[in-house]
Amino acid sequence: MYDRRPVVNLPIIVGTTATVSQPIPWGDQISGCIKIPASGITTITWYASTDSTNFYPAYDWTVGTPVAVTQTVTASTIVGIPSALIGAAAIKAVATGQSDTGGTINVSVKN
């Protein structure tokens, strides 16, 4: 069976605002994961874009009442990118924990 090759270890800057965070190209992706750095990020709030230019907070509508797509993460671990983001042209991870300073994540995606 044909196995599409993933994009591995794409370094992406995660800031404490969507303006500072770098976009992750996401349009054709069906799954992905991120490597959390050793410090600086404890909570990620995800932003999404339909045009790769204008980013807005992403919401999960499958749970009844829409909720922001957020993840609590642990330093030096790998976590999956939420499936609620599938279909966006691009996404951004924003460090939103109380004491978060941001950092660089390594992204692996598969289309």
PDB file of N, CA and C in Angstrom:
ATOM      1  N   MET A   1       0.840  -1.179   0.000  1.00  0.00           N
ATOM      2  CA  MET A   1       0.000   0.000   0.000  1.00  0.00           C
ATOM      3  C   MET A   1       0.886   1.244   0.000  1.00  0.00           C
ATOM      4  N   TYR A   2       0.442   2.264  -0.715  1.00  0.00           N
ATOM      5  CA  TYR A   2       1.186   3.516  -0.789  1.00  0.00           C
ATOM      6  C   TYR A   2       1.124   4.224   0.552  1.00  0.00           C
ATOM      7  N   ASP A   3       2.277   4.579   1.083  1.00  0.00           N
ATOM      8  CA  ASP A   3       2.354   5.284   2.368  1.00  0.00           C
ATOM      9  C   ASP A   3       2.927   6.659   2.113  1.00  0.00           C
ATOM     10  N   ARG A   4       2.123   7.679   2.346  1.00  0.00           N
ATOM     11  CA  ARG A   4       2.612   9.043   2.136  1.00  0.00           C
ATOM     12  C   ARG A   4       3.669   9.369   3.169  1.00  0.00           C
ATOM     13  N   ARG A   5       4.660  10.093   2.749  1.00  0.00           N
ATOM     14  CA  ARG A   5       5.767  10.427   3.637  1.00  0.00           C
ATOM     15  C   ARG A   5       5.423  11.642   4.494  1.00  0.00           C
ATOM     16  N   PRO A   6       5.720  11.553   5.768  1.00  0.00           N
ATOM     17  CA  PRO A   6       5.441  12.692   6.644  1.00  0.00           C
ATOM     18  C   PRO A   6       6.508  13.777   6.523  1.00  0.00           C
ATOM     19  N   VAL A   7       6.109  14.982   6.873  1.00  0.00           N
ATOM     20  CA  VAL A   7       7.069  16.077   7.049  1.00  0.00           C
ATOM     21  C   VAL A   7       7.497  15.985   8.505  1.00  0.00           C
ATOM     22  N   VAL A   8       8.787  15.809   8.754  1.00  0.00           N
ATOM     23  CA  VAL A   8       9.267  15.518  10.096  1.00  0.00           C
ATOM     24  C   VAL A   8      10.146  16.649  10.622  1.00  0.00           C
ATOM     25  N   ASN A   9       9.927  16.967  11.891  1.00  0.00           N
ATOM     26  CA  ASN A   9      10.765  17.916  12.616  1.00  0.00           C
ATOM     27  C   ASN A   9      10.834  19.304  11.997  1.00  0.00           C
ATOM     28  N   LEU A  10       9.705  19.819  11.597  1.00  0.00           N
ATOM     29  CA  LEU A  10       9.618  21.191  11.124  1.00  0.00           C
ATOM     30  C   LEU A  10       9.621  22.098  12.352  1.00  0.00           C
ATOM     31  N   PRO A  11      10.683  22.923  12.547  1.00  0.00           N
ATOM     32  CA  PRO A  11      10.719  23.784  13.731  1.00  0.00           C
ATOM     33  C   PRO A  11       9.767  24.967  13.564  1.00  0.00           C
ATOM     34  N   ILE A  12       8.916  25.185  14.567  1.00  0.00           N
ATOM     35  CA  ILE A  12       7.917  26.254  14.543  1.00  0.00           C
ATOM     36  C   ILE A  12       8.014  27.042  15.846  1.00  0.00           C
ATOM     37  N   ILE A  13       8.088  28.371  15.731  1.00  0.00           N
ATOM     38  CA  ILE A  13       8.121  29.221  16.923  1.00  0.00           C
ATOM     39  C   ILE A  13       6.704  29.366  17.470  1.00  0.00           C
ATOM     40  N   VAL A  14       6.570  29.122  18.768  1.00  0.00           N
ATOM     41  CA  VAL A  14       5.301  29.300  19.468  1.00  0.00           C
ATOM     42  C   VAL A  14       5.459  30.480  20.413  1.00  0.00           C
ATOM     43  N   GLY A  15       4.671  31.509  20.183  1.00  0.00           N
ATOM     44  CA  GLY A  15       4.708  32.683  21.048  1.00  0.00           C
ATOM     45  C   GLY A  15       3.545  32.690  22.010  1.00  0.00           C
ATOM     46  N   THR A  16       3.438  33.756  22.762  1.00  0.00           N
ATOM     47  CA  THR A  16       2.336  33.887  23.713  1.00  0.00           C
ATOM     48  C   THR A  16       1.158  34.641  23.102  1.00  0.00           C
ATOM     49  N   THR A  17       1.283  34.998  21.825  1.00  0.00           N
ATOM     50  CA  THR A  17       0.174  35.577  21.061  1.00  0.00           C
ATOM     51  C   THR A  17       0.170  34.949  19.671  1.00  0.00           C
ATOM     52  N   ALA A  18      -0.970  34.995  19.000  1.00  0.00           N
ATOM     53  CA  ALA A  18      -1.059  34.458  17.640  1.00  0.00           C
ATOM     54  C   ALA A  18      -0.199  35.262  16.671  1.00  0.00           C
ATOM     55  N   THR A  19       0.009  36.531  16.952  1.00  0.00           N
ATOM     56  CA  THR A  19       0.837  37.369  16.087  1.00  0.00           C
ATOM     57  C   THR A  19       2.282  36.888  16.063  1.00  0.00           C
ATOM     58  N   VAL A  20       2.796  36.445  17.191  1.00  0.00           N
ATOM     59  CA  VAL A  20       4.186  36.001  17.304  1.00  0.00           C
ATOM     60  C   VAL A  20       4.367  34.570  16.801  1.00  0.00           C
ATOM     61  N   SER A  21       3.386  33.710  17.018  1.00  0.00           N
ATOM     62  CA  SER A  21       3.508  32.296  16.628  1.00  0.00           C
ATOM     63  C   SER A  21       3.562  32.141  15.116  1.00  0.00           C
ATOM     64  N   GLN A  22       4.393  31.199  14.661  1.00  0.00           N
ATOM     65  CA  GLN A  22       4.505  30.915  13.233  1.00  0.00           C
ATOM     66  C   GLN A  22       3.381  29.980  12.788  1.00  0.00           C
ATOM     67  N   PRO A  23       2.899  30.128  11.558  1.00  0.00           N
ATOM     68  CA  PRO A  23       1.863  29.218  11.065  1.00  0.00           C
ATOM     69  C   PRO A  23       2.428  27.845  10.702  1.00  0.00           C
ATOM     70  N   ILE A  24       1.598  26.851  10.844  1.00  0.00           N
ATOM     71  CA  ILE A  24       1.917  25.488  10.428  1.00  0.00           C
ATOM     72  C   ILE A  24       1.059  25.205   9.199  1.00  0.00           C
ATOM     73  N   PRO A  25       1.660  24.948   8.029  1.00  0.00           N
ATOM     74  CA  PRO A  25       0.854  24.603   6.855  1.00  0.00           C
ATOM     75  C   PRO A  25       0.061  23.327   7.145  1.00  0.00           C
ATOM     76  N   TRP A  26      -1.253  23.360   6.938  1.00  0.00           N
ATOM     77  CA  TRP A  26      -2.075  22.261   7.422  1.00  0.00           C
ATOM     78  C   TRP A  26      -3.086  21.753   6.412  1.00  0.00           C
ATOM     79  N   GLY A  27      -3.306  22.465   5.319  1.00  0.00           N
ATOM     80  CA  GLY A  27      -4.395  22.178   4.388  1.00  0.00           C
ATOM     81  C   GLY A  27      -4.623  20.732   4.005  1.00  0.00           C
ATOM     82  N   ASP A  28      -3.593  19.985   3.624  1.00  0.00           N
ATOM     83  CA  ASP A  28      -3.769  18.607   3.168  1.00  0.00           C
ATOM     84  C   ASP A  28      -3.443  17.566   4.232  1.00  0.00           C
ATOM     85  N   GLN A  29      -3.201  18.009   5.434  1.00  0.00           N
ATOM     86  CA  GLN A  29      -2.751  17.080   6.469  1.00  0.00           C
ATOM     87  C   GLN A  29      -3.940  16.345   7.102  1.00  0.00           C
ATOM     88  N   ILE A  30      -3.704  15.096   7.470  1.00  0.00           N
ATOM     89  CA  ILE A  30      -4.751  14.331   8.140  1.00  0.00           C
ATOM     90  C   ILE A  30      -4.386  14.014   9.587  1.00  0.00           C
ATOM     91  N   SER A  31      -3.126  14.191   9.929  1.00  0.00           N
ATOM     92  CA  SER A  31      -2.715  13.965  11.313  1.00  0.00           C
ATOM     93  C   SER A  31      -1.347  14.593  11.530  1.00  0.00           C
ATOM     94  N   GLY A  32      -0.995  14.730  12.788  1.00  0.00           N
ATOM     95  CA  GLY A  32       0.308  15.279  13.096  1.00  0.00           C
ATOM     96  C   GLY A  32       0.575  15.254  14.590  1.00  0.00           C
ATOM     97  N   CYS A  33       1.811  15.510  14.945  1.00  0.00           N
ATOM     98  CA  CYS A  33       2.172  15.581  16.353  1.00  0.00           C
ATOM     99  C   CYS A  33       3.239  16.655  16.525  1.00  0.00           C
ATOM    100  N   ILE A  34       3.395  17.082  17.765  1.00  0.00           N
ATOM    101  CA  ILE A  34       4.376  18.113  18.074  1.00  0.00           C
ATOM    102  C   ILE A  34       5.225  17.666  19.253  1.00  0.00           C
ATOM    103  N   LYS A  35       6.500  18.040  19.213  1.00  0.00           N
ATOM    104  CA  LYS A  35       7.430  17.796  20.319  1.00  0.00           C
ATOM    105  C   LYS A  35       7.474  19.066  21.136  1.00  0.00           C
ATOM    106  N   ILE A  36       7.101  18.958  22.401  1.00  0.00           N
ATOM    107  CA  ILE A  36       7.075  20.088  23.319  1.00  0.00           C
ATOM    108  C   ILE A  36       8.495  20.318  23.844  1.00  0.00           C
ATOM    109  N   PRO A  37       8.965  21.580  23.901  1.00  0.00           N
ATOM    110  CA  PRO A  37      10.313  21.833  24.418  1.00  0.00           C
ATOM    111  C   PRO A  37      10.424  21.570  25.918  1.00  0.00           C
ATOM    112  N   ALA A  38      11.636  21.621  26.430  1.00  0.00           N
ATOM    113  CA  ALA A  38      11.898  21.326  27.844  1.00  0.00           C
ATOM    114  C   ALA A  38      11.283  22.352  28.788  1.00  0.00           C
ATOM    115  N   SER A  39      11.012  23.566  28.305  1.00  0.00           N
ATOM    116  CA  SER A  39      10.394  24.582  29.164  1.00  0.00           C
ATOM    117  C   SER A  39       9.694  25.616  28.299  1.00  0.00           C
ATOM    118  N   GLY A  40       8.839  26.433  28.917  1.00  0.00           N
ATOM    119  CA  GLY A  40       8.224  27.562  28.243  1.00  0.00           C
ATOM    120  C   GLY A  40       6.796  27.373  27.771  1.00  0.00           C
ATOM    121  N   ILE A  41       6.336  26.113  27.675  1.00  0.00           N
ATOM    122  CA  ILE A  41       4.976  25.870  27.186  1.00  0.00           C
ATOM    123  C   ILE A  41       4.291  24.835  28.076  1.00  0.00           C
ATOM    124  N   THR A  42       3.183  25.224  28.691  1.00  0.00           N
ATOM    125  CA  THR A  42       2.388  24.285  29.498  1.00  0.00           C
ATOM    126  C   THR A  42       0.972  24.113  28.957  1.00  0.00           C
ATOM    127  N   THR A  43       0.494  25.115  28.233  1.00  0.00           N
ATOM    128  CA  THR A  43      -0.839  25.060  27.642  1.00  0.00           C
ATOM    129  C   THR A  43      -0.768  25.628  26.231  1.00  0.00           C
ATOM    130  N   ILE A  44      -1.413  24.946  25.295  1.00  0.00           N
ATOM    131  CA  ILE A  44      -1.484  25.424  23.916  1.00  0.00           C
ATOM    132  C   ILE A  44      -2.940  25.714  23.590  1.00  0.00           C
ATOM    133  N   THR A  45      -3.185  26.907  23.080  1.00  0.00           N
ATOM    134  CA  THR A  45      -4.473  27.234  22.491  1.00  0.00           C
ATOM    135  C   THR A  45      -4.254  27.303  20.990  1.00  0.00           C
ATOM    136  N   TRP A  46      -5.088  26.584  20.249  1.00  0.00           N
ATOM    137  CA  TRP A  46      -4.915  26.492  18.799  1.00  0.00           C
ATOM    138  C   TRP A  46      -5.715  27.551  18.068  1.00  0.00           C
ATOM    139  N   TYR A  47      -5.100  28.116  17.033  1.00  0.00           N
ATOM    140  CA  TYR A  47      -5.742  29.076  16.137  1.00  0.00           C
ATOM    141  C   TYR A  47      -5.771  28.452  14.749  1.00  0.00           C
ATOM    142  N   ALA A  48      -6.755  28.824  13.945  1.00  0.00           N
ATOM    143  CA  ALA A  48      -6.878  28.258  12.605  1.00  0.00           C
ATOM    144  C   ALA A  48      -7.177  29.355  11.594  1.00  0.00           C
ATOM    145  N   SER A  49      -6.896  29.045  10.326  1.00  0.00           N
ATOM    146  CA  SER A  49      -7.110  29.985   9.234  1.00  0.00           C
ATOM    147  C   SER A  49      -7.660  29.244   8.030  1.00  0.00           C
ATOM    148  N   THR A  50      -8.547  29.903   7.299  1.00  0.00           N
ATOM    149  CA  THR A  50      -9.034  29.337   6.044  1.00  0.00           C
ATOM    150  C   THR A  50      -8.258  29.870   4.846  1.00  0.00           C
ATOM    151  N   ASP A  51      -7.454  30.912   5.065  1.00  0.00           N
ATOM    152  CA  ASP A  51      -6.718  31.519   3.966  1.00  0.00           C
ATOM    153  C   ASP A  51      -5.211  31.636   4.228  1.00  0.00           C
ATOM    154  N   SER A  52      -4.727  31.077   5.306  1.00  0.00           N
ATOM    155  CA  SER A  52      -3.314  31.100   5.714  1.00  0.00           C
ATOM    156  C   SER A  52      -2.801  32.500   6.046  1.00  0.00           C
ATOM    157  N   THR A  53      -3.704  33.458   6.195  1.00  0.00           N
ATOM    158  CA  THR A  53      -3.324  34.830   6.514  1.00  0.00           C
ATOM    159  C   THR A  53      -3.983  35.322   7.795  1.00  0.00           C
ATOM    160  N   ASN A  54      -5.280  35.142   7.894  1.00  0.00           N
ATOM    161  CA  ASN A  54      -6.051  35.612   9.044  1.00  0.00           C
ATOM    162  C   ASN A  54      -6.341  34.439   9.972  1.00  0.00           C
ATOM    163  N   PHE A  55      -5.855  34.531  11.216  1.00  0.00           N
ATOM    164  CA  PHE A  55      -5.999  33.438  12.170  1.00  0.00           C
ATOM    165  C   PHE A  55      -6.983  33.813  13.270  1.00  0.00           C
ATOM    166  N   TYR A  56      -7.794  32.836  13.662  1.00  0.00           N
ATOM    167  CA  TYR A  56      -8.813  33.020  14.692  1.00  0.00           C
ATOM    168  C   TYR A  56      -8.743  31.851  15.667  1.00  0.00           C
ATOM    169  N   PRO A  57      -9.185  32.052  16.923  1.00  0.00           N
ATOM    170  CA  PRO A  57      -9.220  30.925  17.852  1.00  0.00           C
ATOM    171  C   PRO A  57     -10.061  29.787  17.262  1.00  0.00           C
ATOM    172  N   ALA A  58      -9.552  28.578  17.368  1.00  0.00           N
ATOM    173  CA  ALA A  58     -10.274  27.410  16.858  1.00  0.00           C
ATOM    174  C   ALA A  58     -11.229  26.890  17.933  1.00  0.00           C
ATOM    175  N   TYR A  59     -12.405  26.478  17.511  1.00  0.00           N
ATOM    176  CA  TYR A  59     -13.401  25.921  18.424  1.00  0.00           C
ATOM    177  C   TYR A  59     -13.816  24.550  17.949  1.00  0.00           C
ATOM    178  N   ASP A  60     -14.076  23.669  18.897  1.00  0.00           N
ATOM    179  CA  ASP A  60     -14.570  22.324  18.605  1.00  0.00           C
ATOM    180  C   ASP A  60     -16.081  22.351  18.769  1.00  0.00           C
ATOM    181  N   TRP A  61     -16.785  22.146  17.674  1.00  0.00           N
ATOM    182  CA  TRP A  61     -18.248  22.193  17.683  1.00  0.00           C
ATOM    183  C   TRP A  61     -18.871  20.814  17.849  1.00  0.00           C
ATOM    184  N   THR A  62     -18.071  19.763  17.926  1.00  0.00           N
ATOM    185  CA  THR A  62     -18.624  18.402  17.998  1.00  0.00           C
ATOM    186  C   THR A  62     -19.073  18.021  19.396  1.00  0.00           C
ATOM    187  N   VAL A  63     -18.832  18.861  20.365  1.00  0.00           N
ATOM    188  CA  VAL A  63     -19.131  18.520  21.760  1.00  0.00           C
ATOM    189  C   VAL A  63     -20.401  19.195  22.274  1.00  0.00           C
ATOM    190  N   GLY A  64     -21.245  19.676  21.356  1.00  0.00           N
ATOM    191  CA  GLY A  64     -22.460  20.380  21.770  1.00  0.00           C
ATOM    192  C   GLY A  64     -22.200  21.868  21.793  1.00  0.00           C
ATOM    193  N   THR A  65     -21.871  22.396  22.945  1.00  0.00           N
ATOM    194  CA  THR A  65     -21.508  23.795  23.072  1.00  0.00           C
ATOM    195  C   THR A  65     -20.061  23.959  22.611  1.00  0.00           C
ATOM    196  N   PRO A  66     -19.786  24.894  21.706  1.00  0.00           N
ATOM    197  CA  PRO A  66     -18.405  25.034  21.206  1.00  0.00           C
ATOM    198  C   PRO A  66     -17.423  25.393  22.320  1.00  0.00           C
ATOM    199  N   VAL A  67     -16.277  24.730  22.286  1.00  0.00           N
ATOM    200  CA  VAL A  67     -15.217  25.006  23.258  1.00  0.00           C
ATOM    201  C   VAL A  67     -13.917  25.270  22.505  1.00  0.00           C
ATOM    202  N   ALA A  68     -13.082  26.145  23.055  1.00  0.00           N
ATOM    203  CA  ALA A  68     -11.786  26.441  22.446  1.00  0.00           C
ATOM    204  C   ALA A  68     -10.940  25.173  22.395  1.00  0.00           C
ATOM    205  N   VAL A  69     -10.189  25.029  21.337  1.00  0.00           N
ATOM    206  CA  VAL A  69      -9.304  23.870  21.199  1.00  0.00           C
ATOM    207  C   VAL A  69      -8.007  24.200  21.942  1.00  0.00           C
ATOM    208  N   THR A  70      -7.862  23.601  23.124  1.00  0.00           N
ATOM    209  CA  THR A  70      -6.677  23.811  23.948  1.00  0.00           C
ATOM    210  C   THR A  70      -6.119  22.461  24.390  1.00  0.00           C
ATOM    211  N   GLN A  71      -4.856  22.464  24.729  1.00  0.00           N
ATOM    212  CA  GLN A  71      -4.190  21.269  25.246  1.00  0.00           C
ATOM    213  C   GLN A  71      -3.279  21.658  26.396  1.00  0.00           C
ATOM    214  N   THR A  72      -3.362  20.907  27.483  1.00  0.00           N
ATOM    215  CA  THR A  72      -2.366  21.011  28.548  1.00  0.00           C
ATOM    216  C   THR A  72      -1.261  20.036  28.182  1.00  0.00           C
ATOM    217  N   VAL A  73      -0.023  20.521  28.171  1.00  0.00           N
ATOM    218  CA  VAL A  73       1.100  19.698  27.715  1.00  0.00           C
ATOM    219  C   VAL A  73       2.178  19.624  28.781  1.00  0.00           C
ATOM    220  N   THR A  74       3.013  18.619  28.654  1.00  0.00           N
ATOM    221  CA  THR A  74       4.126  18.402  29.573  1.00  0.00           C
ATOM    222  C   THR A  74       5.436  18.581  28.811  1.00  0.00           C
ATOM    223  N   ALA A  75       6.412  19.185  29.466  1.00  0.00           N
ATOM    224  CA  ALA A  75       7.714  19.438  28.847  1.00  0.00           C
ATOM    225  C   ALA A  75       8.339  18.150  28.325  1.00  0.00           C
ATOM    226  N   SER A  76       9.020  18.270  27.202  1.00  0.00           N
ATOM    227  CA  SER A  76       9.783  17.178  26.588  1.00  0.00           C
ATOM    228  C   SER A  76       8.936  15.954  26.269  1.00  0.00           C
ATOM    229  N   THR A  77       7.706  16.182  25.813  1.00  0.00           N
ATOM    230  CA  THR A  77       6.836  15.088  25.382  1.00  0.00           C
ATOM    231  C   THR A  77       6.366  15.346  23.960  1.00  0.00           C
ATOM    232  N   ILE A  78       5.743  14.340  23.384  1.00  0.00           N
ATOM    233  CA  ILE A  78       5.138  14.466  22.065  1.00  0.00           C
ATOM    234  C   ILE A  78       3.641  14.311  22.226  1.00  0.00           C
ATOM    235  N   VAL A  79       2.879  15.250  21.643  1.00  0.00           N
ATOM    236  CA  VAL A  79       1.414  15.201  21.714  1.00  0.00           C
ATOM    237  C   VAL A  79       0.841  15.336  20.309  1.00  0.00           C
ATOM    238  N   GLY A  80      -0.344  14.772  20.115  1.00  0.00           N
ATOM    239  CA  GLY A  80      -1.013  14.854  18.828  1.00  0.00           C
ATOM    240  C   GLY A  80      -1.640  16.220  18.603  1.00  0.00           C
ATOM    241  N   ILE A  81      -1.695  16.634  17.339  1.00  0.00           N
ATOM    242  CA  ILE A  81      -2.419  17.841  16.969  1.00  0.00           C
ATOM    243  C   ILE A  81      -3.906  17.465  16.947  1.00  0.00           C
ATOM    244  N   PRO A  82      -4.771  18.250  17.590  1.00  0.00           N
ATOM    245  CA  PRO A  82      -6.186  17.885  17.703  1.00  0.00           C
ATOM    246  C   PRO A  82      -6.876  17.715  16.342  1.00  0.00           C
ATOM    247  N   SER A  83      -7.708  16.694  16.229  1.00  0.00           N
ATOM    248  CA  SER A  83      -8.420  16.415  14.983  1.00  0.00           C
ATOM    249  C   SER A  83      -9.437  17.503  14.644  1.00  0.00           C
ATOM    250  N   ALA A  84      -9.834  18.313  15.610  1.00  0.00           N
ATOM    251  CA  ALA A  84     -10.770  19.413  15.335  1.00  0.00           C
ATOM    252  C   ALA A  84     -10.189  20.431  14.366  1.00  0.00           C
ATOM    253  N   LEU A  85      -8.877  20.380  14.115  1.00  0.00           N
ATOM    254  CA  LEU A  85      -8.219  21.348  13.240  1.00  0.00           C
ATOM    255  C   LEU A  85      -8.145  20.884  11.791  1.00  0.00           C
ATOM    256  N   ILE A  86      -8.550  19.642  11.515  1.00  0.00           N
ATOM    257  CA  ILE A  86      -8.512  19.123  10.146  1.00  0.00           C
ATOM    258  C   ILE A  86      -9.412  19.989   9.266  1.00  0.00           C
ATOM    259  N   GLY A  87      -8.903  20.356   8.115  1.00  0.00           N
ATOM    260  CA  GLY A  87      -9.648  21.178   7.176  1.00  0.00           C
ATOM    261  C   GLY A  87      -9.195  22.623   7.134  1.00  0.00           C
ATOM    262  N   ALA A  88      -8.488  23.074   8.155  1.00  0.00           N
ATOM    263  CA  ALA A  88      -7.966  24.447   8.144  1.00  0.00           C
ATOM    264  C   ALA A  88      -6.813  24.538   7.141  1.00  0.00           C
ATOM    265  N   ALA A  89      -6.652  25.690   6.524  1.00  0.00           N
ATOM    266  CA  ALA A  89      -5.536  25.882   5.596  1.00  0.00           C
ATOM    267  C   ALA A  89      -4.211  25.939   6.337  1.00  0.00           C
ATOM    268  N   ALA A  90      -4.233  26.562   7.519  1.00  0.00           N
ATOM    269  CA  ALA A  90      -3.043  26.676   8.353  1.00  0.00           C
ATOM    270  C   ALA A  90      -3.494  26.783   9.803  1.00  0.00           C
ATOM    271  N   ILE A  91      -2.604  26.424  10.706  1.00  0.00           N
ATOM    272  CA  ILE A  91      -2.911  26.489  12.136  1.00  0.00           C
ATOM    273  C   ILE A  91      -1.744  27.140  12.859  1.00  0.00           C
ATOM    274  N   LYS A  92      -2.025  27.631  14.057  1.00  0.00           N
ATOM    275  CA  LYS A  92      -0.976  28.175  14.920  1.00  0.00           C
ATOM    276  C   LYS A  92      -1.174  27.633  16.326  1.00  0.00           C
ATOM    277  N   ALA A  93      -0.059  27.322  16.985  1.00  0.00           N
ATOM    278  CA  ALA A  93      -0.062  26.959  18.402  1.00  0.00           C
ATOM    279  C   ALA A  93       0.361  28.201  19.179  1.00  0.00           C
ATOM    280  N   VAL A  94      -0.411  28.549  20.207  1.00  0.00           N
ATOM    281  CA  VAL A  94      -0.098  29.718  21.023  1.00  0.00           C
ATOM    282  C   VAL A  94       0.043  29.260  22.472  1.00  0.00           C
ATOM    283  N   ALA A  95       1.153  29.631  23.114  1.00  0.00           N
ATOM    284  CA  ALA A  95       1.403  29.281  24.511  1.00  0.00           C
ATOM    285  C   ALA A  95       0.552  30.180  25.402  1.00  0.00           C
ATOM    286  N   THR A  96      -0.408  29.593  26.118  1.00  0.00           N
ATOM    287  CA  THR A  96      -1.350  30.405  26.886  1.00  0.00           C
ATOM    288  C   THR A  96      -1.411  30.049  28.366  1.00  0.00           C
ATOM    289  N   GLY A  97      -0.479  29.237  28.845  1.00  0.00           N
ATOM    290  CA  GLY A  97      -0.421  28.946  30.281  1.00  0.00           C
ATOM    291  C   GLY A  97      -0.025  30.190  31.054  1.00  0.00           C
ATOM    292  N   GLN A  98      -0.406  30.257  32.320  1.00  0.00           N
ATOM    293  CA  GLN A  98      -0.189  31.445  33.139  1.00  0.00           C
ATOM    294  C   GLN A  98       1.261  31.916  33.134  1.00  0.00           C
ATOM    295  N   SER A  99       2.219  31.002  33.194  1.00  0.00           N
ATOM    296  CA  SER A  99       3.629  31.402  33.232  1.00  0.00           C
ATOM    297  C   SER A  99       4.372  31.045  31.939  1.00  0.00           C
ATOM    298  N   ASP A 100       3.641  30.740  30.871  1.00  0.00           N
ATOM    299  CA  ASP A 100       4.278  30.360  29.611  1.00  0.00           C
ATOM    300  C   ASP A 100       5.049  31.521  28.999  1.00  0.00           C
ATOM    301  N   THR A 101       6.202  31.189  28.414  1.00  0.00           N
ATOM    302  CA  THR A 101       7.022  32.180  27.718  1.00  0.00           C
ATOM    303  C   THR A 101       7.164  31.855  26.236  1.00  0.00           C
ATOM    304  N   GLY A 102       6.698  30.681  25.827  1.00  0.00           N
ATOM    305  CA  GLY A 102       6.820  30.249  24.433  1.00  0.00           C
ATOM    306  C   GLY A 102       8.082  29.451  24.220  1.00  0.00           C
ATOM    307  N   GLY A 103       8.327  29.092  22.966  1.00  0.00           N
ATOM    308  CA  GLY A 103       9.483  28.290  22.623  1.00  0.00           C
ATOM    309  C   GLY A 103       9.350  27.768  21.211  1.00  0.00           C
ATOM    310  N   THR A 104      10.169  26.819  20.867  1.00  0.00           N
ATOM    311  CA  THR A 104      10.110  26.200  19.524  1.00  0.00           C
ATOM    312  C   THR A 104       9.648  24.764  19.664  1.00  0.00           C
ATOM    313  N   ILE A 105       8.607  24.424  18.906  1.00  0.00           N
ATOM    314  CA  ILE A 105       8.136  23.050  18.859  1.00  0.00           C
ATOM    315  C   ILE A 105       8.645  22.426  17.559  1.00  0.00           C
ATOM    316  N   ASN A 106       8.755  21.121  17.532  1.00  0.00           N
ATOM    317  CA  ASN A 106       9.068  20.398  16.298  1.00  0.00           C
ATOM    318  C   ASN A 106       7.795  19.689  15.870  1.00  0.00           C
ATOM    319  N   VAL A 107       7.390  19.944  14.625  1.00  0.00           N
ATOM    320  CA  VAL A 107       6.131  19.431  14.100  1.00  0.00           C
ATOM    321  C   VAL A 107       6.383  18.331  13.103  1.00  0.00           C
ATOM    322  N   SER A 108       5.636  17.253  13.209  1.00  0.00           N
ATOM    323  CA  SER A 108       5.611  16.192  12.209  1.00  0.00           C
ATOM    324  C   SER A 108       4.172  16.039  11.752  1.00  0.00           C
ATOM    325  N   VAL A 109       3.956  16.067  10.444  1.00  0.00           N
ATOM    326  CA  VAL A 109       2.602  15.939   9.891  1.00  0.00           C
ATOM    327  C   VAL A 109       2.580  14.876   8.804  1.00  0.00           C
ATOM    328  N   LYS A 110       1.383  14.342   8.558  1.00  0.00           N
ATOM    329  CA  LYS A 110       1.220  13.325   7.514  1.00  0.00           C
ATOM    330  C   LYS A 110      -0.048  13.633   6.742  1.00  0.00           C
ATOM    331  N   ASN A 111       0.070  13.605   5.407  1.00  0.00           N
ATOM    332  CA  ASN A 111      -1.121  13.836   4.594  1.00  0.00           C
ATOM    333  C   ASN A 111      -1.542  12.572   3.889  1.00  0.00           C
TER     334      ASN A 111
END
